[in-house]
Every structure is written in structure tokens, then in C-alpha cells.
């Protein structure tokens, strides 16, 4: 093996890594834009409607909208909530749900995609509602 061959292959690998990194950053930037639109146009309105229905049914929840997510929090137990966030550590980035529940002295946290494998711009109000309906039982049981 020649040093010139190693140098050539090293440079090629370095160039490929730089290209892959730039492509990953571009996907993350596009996902951030899509996620902001998803929060504004789909997730937050569904969370608000869900909260209103829950309150009318005797299950009070409050909505919080931090800069990069939306959170539905039980008014009875502040440790019980479901929230959405963007997981940019994945490639491609995913809209994720974090569910937090207190059971006795333990806090149980679980994370999962809103809809596994779906691009952020492909998520719908049905996806968000399905997520919330799937978690409401565990958030209201005592």
C-alpha cells in the first residue's frame, strides 16, 4: 500500500463526510421550518380543542406553548403531561411525543414519534388527535 493511495482515499472520505454533514444540516433546517408550521397550524390547535373537550368532561388540562413545542398538562397532577418536540438528533429529524406520568413516587417518561416514519410535513390533525386519545387514559387514571 502506498502513502499516496492512503492520502487519496483519506481526502475522498473527508470530502464525503463534509458533503454528508452539509446534507444533514439542510435536512435539519427544512425539518425545523416544517415543524414550526406543523406546531402553528396543526398541533397547537388540536391540543387546544382537546383541552377544551377534556375540561368539559371534568378532566382539566392546561396548554403550554414553549418556543419549540406544545404541552398538555393535567391541572390535577402537574407531573402528568404529553408534549411534542422536534428530535433533530435523528436523521431525518422527527416530530416526537414525550409522555410523563407520576405513579406514586416514580416518574415514568416515554418518548415516541407522533407517527413513525412520517415526514413532518406529512403529519395531520388525525395523527395528533390519535396520539392524545391514546395517552388520555394513562394521564387520567389514579
Protein backbone atom coordinates (compact mmCIF):
# COMPACT_ATOMS: atom_id res chain seq x y z
CA UNK A 1 0.00 0.00 0.00
CA UNK A 2 1.35 3.38 -0.99
CA UNK A 3 1.13 6.56 1.06
CA UNK A 4 -0.31 8.36 -1.98
CA UNK A 5 -3.17 5.83 -2.10
CA UNK A 6 -3.92 6.35 1.58
CA UNK A 7 -3.81 10.13 1.15
CA UNK A 8 -6.17 9.99 -1.85
CA UNK A 9 -8.64 7.75 -0.01
CA UNK A 10 -8.39 9.89 3.13
CA UNK A 11 -9.25 13.03 1.16
CA UNK A 12 -12.15 11.29 -0.56
CA UNK A 13 -13.51 10.11 2.81
CA UNK A 14 -13.14 13.59 4.26
CA UNK A 15 -14.94 15.16 1.29
CA UNK A 16 -17.75 12.61 1.60
CA UNK A 17 -18.10 13.32 5.33
CA UNK A 18 -18.32 17.08 4.67
CA UNK A 19 -20.94 16.54 1.98
CA UNK A 20 -22.99 14.24 4.22
CA UNK A 21 -22.78 16.76 7.06
CA UNK A 22 -23.99 19.59 4.83
CA UNK A 23 -26.88 17.44 3.58
CA UNK A 24 -27.82 16.51 7.16
CA UNK A 25 -27.80 20.20 8.17
CA UNK A 26 -30.03 21.03 5.19
CA UNK A 27 -32.49 18.28 6.19
CA UNK A 28 -32.48 19.56 9.78
CA UNK A 29 -33.13 23.14 8.63
CA UNK A 30 -36.01 22.03 6.39
CA UNK A 31 -37.42 19.93 9.24
CA UNK A 32 -37.28 22.92 11.60
CA UNK A 33 -39.31 25.02 9.17
CA UNK A 34 -41.81 22.19 8.62
CA UNK A 35 -42.06 21.56 12.36
CA UNK A 36 -42.78 25.24 13.10
CA UNK A 37 -45.62 25.18 10.57
CA UNK A 38 -46.88 21.87 12.00
CA UNK A 39 -46.95 23.33 15.51
CA UNK A 40 -48.66 26.52 14.43
CA UNK A 41 -51.21 25.11 12.01
CA UNK A 42 -51.96 21.61 13.30
CA UNK A 43 -50.62 20.55 16.70
CA UNK A 44 -51.39 23.60 18.83
CA UNK A 45 -55.00 23.97 17.59
CA UNK A 46 -55.67 20.25 18.18
CA UNK A 47 -54.11 20.42 21.66
CA UNK A 48 -56.31 23.45 22.46
CA UNK A 49 -59.50 21.76 21.25
CA UNK A 50 -58.59 18.58 23.11
CA UNK A 51 -58.00 20.56 26.30
CA UNK A 52 -61.39 22.27 25.96
CA UNK A 53 -63.17 18.94 25.48
CA UNK A 54 -61.28 17.40 28.41
CA UNK A 55 -62.29 20.31 30.68
CA UNK A 56 -65.92 19.96 29.60
CA UNK A 57 -65.72 16.27 30.53
CA UNK A 58 -64.34 17.01 34.00
CA UNK A 59 -60.68 16.32 33.19
CA UNK A 60 -58.96 19.72 33.41
CA UNK A 61 -55.81 20.18 31.36
CA UNK A 62 -53.81 23.30 30.57
CA UNK A 63 -51.89 24.02 27.39
CA UNK A 64 -48.39 25.47 27.40
CA UNK A 65 -46.67 26.56 24.23
CA UNK A 66 -42.94 26.90 24.80
CA UNK A 67 -40.96 28.21 21.84
CA UNK A 68 -40.38 24.82 20.26
CA UNK A 69 -43.29 22.66 21.34
CA UNK A 70 -46.72 22.31 22.84
CA UNK A 71 -47.58 20.64 26.15
CA UNK A 72 -50.87 19.37 27.60
CA UNK A 73 -50.56 19.31 31.41
CA UNK A 74 -53.01 17.88 33.92
CA UNK A 75 -54.30 20.55 36.29
CA UNK A 76 -54.65 17.88 38.97
CA UNK A 77 -51.13 16.46 38.71
CA UNK A 78 -48.53 18.76 37.13
CA UNK A 79 -46.16 15.83 36.54
CA UNK A 80 -48.67 14.26 34.14
CA UNK A 81 -48.31 15.68 30.64
CA UNK A 82 -47.88 14.96 26.97
CA UNK A 83 -45.77 17.24 24.82
CA UNK A 84 -44.46 17.47 21.29
CA UNK A 85 -40.90 18.34 20.35
CA UNK A 86 -38.56 18.11 17.39
CA UNK A 87 -35.85 15.47 17.71
CA UNK A 88 -33.13 16.82 15.44
CA UNK A 89 -30.66 14.17 16.61
CA UNK A 90 -32.35 11.70 14.28
CA UNK A 91 -31.76 11.72 10.55
CA UNK A 92 -34.20 12.69 9.25
CA UNK A 93 -35.48 14.74 12.20
CA UNK A 94 -38.77 13.52 13.70
CA UNK A 95 -41.71 15.14 15.47
CA UNK A 96 -41.77 13.30 18.79
CA UNK A 97 -44.14 12.96 21.72
CA UNK A 98 -42.95 12.80 25.31
CA UNK A 99 -45.39 11.43 27.86
CA UNK A 100 -44.66 11.95 31.52
CA UNK A 101 -46.66 10.28 34.31
CA UNK A 102 -46.21 10.18 38.06
CA UNK A 103 -47.12 6.91 39.72
CA UNK A 104 -46.54 7.03 43.43
CA UNK A 105 -43.01 8.27 43.92
CA UNK A 106 -41.89 7.32 40.43
CA UNK A 107 -41.95 9.44 37.31
CA UNK A 108 -42.30 7.46 34.10
CA UNK A 109 -41.27 9.15 30.86
CA UNK A 110 -41.71 7.68 27.40
CA UNK A 111 -40.87 9.13 24.00
CA UNK A 112 -42.12 8.07 20.60
CA UNK A 113 -42.65 9.55 17.15
CA UNK A 114 -46.00 11.21 16.53
CA UNK A 115 -46.36 8.87 13.54
CA UNK A 116 -43.39 6.57 12.97
CA UNK A 117 -41.66 7.08 9.64
CA UNK A 118 -43.83 10.02 8.60
CA UNK A 119 -42.18 13.21 7.36
CA UNK A 120 -43.06 16.22 9.48
CA UNK A 121 -44.90 17.91 6.63
CA UNK A 122 -47.00 14.72 6.26
CA UNK A 123 -48.39 14.80 9.81
CA UNK A 124 -52.10 15.56 10.15
CA UNK A 125 -54.55 16.63 12.80
CA UNK A 126 -55.69 12.98 12.96
CA UNK A 127 -52.15 11.94 13.91
CA UNK A 128 -52.10 14.45 16.76
CA UNK A 129 -55.60 13.55 17.94
CA UNK A 130 -54.76 9.84 17.81
CA UNK A 131 -51.70 10.47 19.94
CA UNK A 132 -53.70 12.40 22.54
CA UNK A 133 -56.55 9.88 22.61
CA UNK A 134 -54.06 7.06 23.03
CA UNK A 135 -52.49 8.73 26.06
CA UNK A 136 -55.53 10.23 27.82
CA UNK A 137 -56.30 7.05 29.75
CA UNK A 138 -52.88 6.85 31.35
CA UNK A 139 -52.89 10.59 32.12
CA UNK A 140 -56.25 10.49 33.92
CA UNK A 141 -56.06 7.20 35.82
CA UNK A 142 -55.23 7.26 39.51
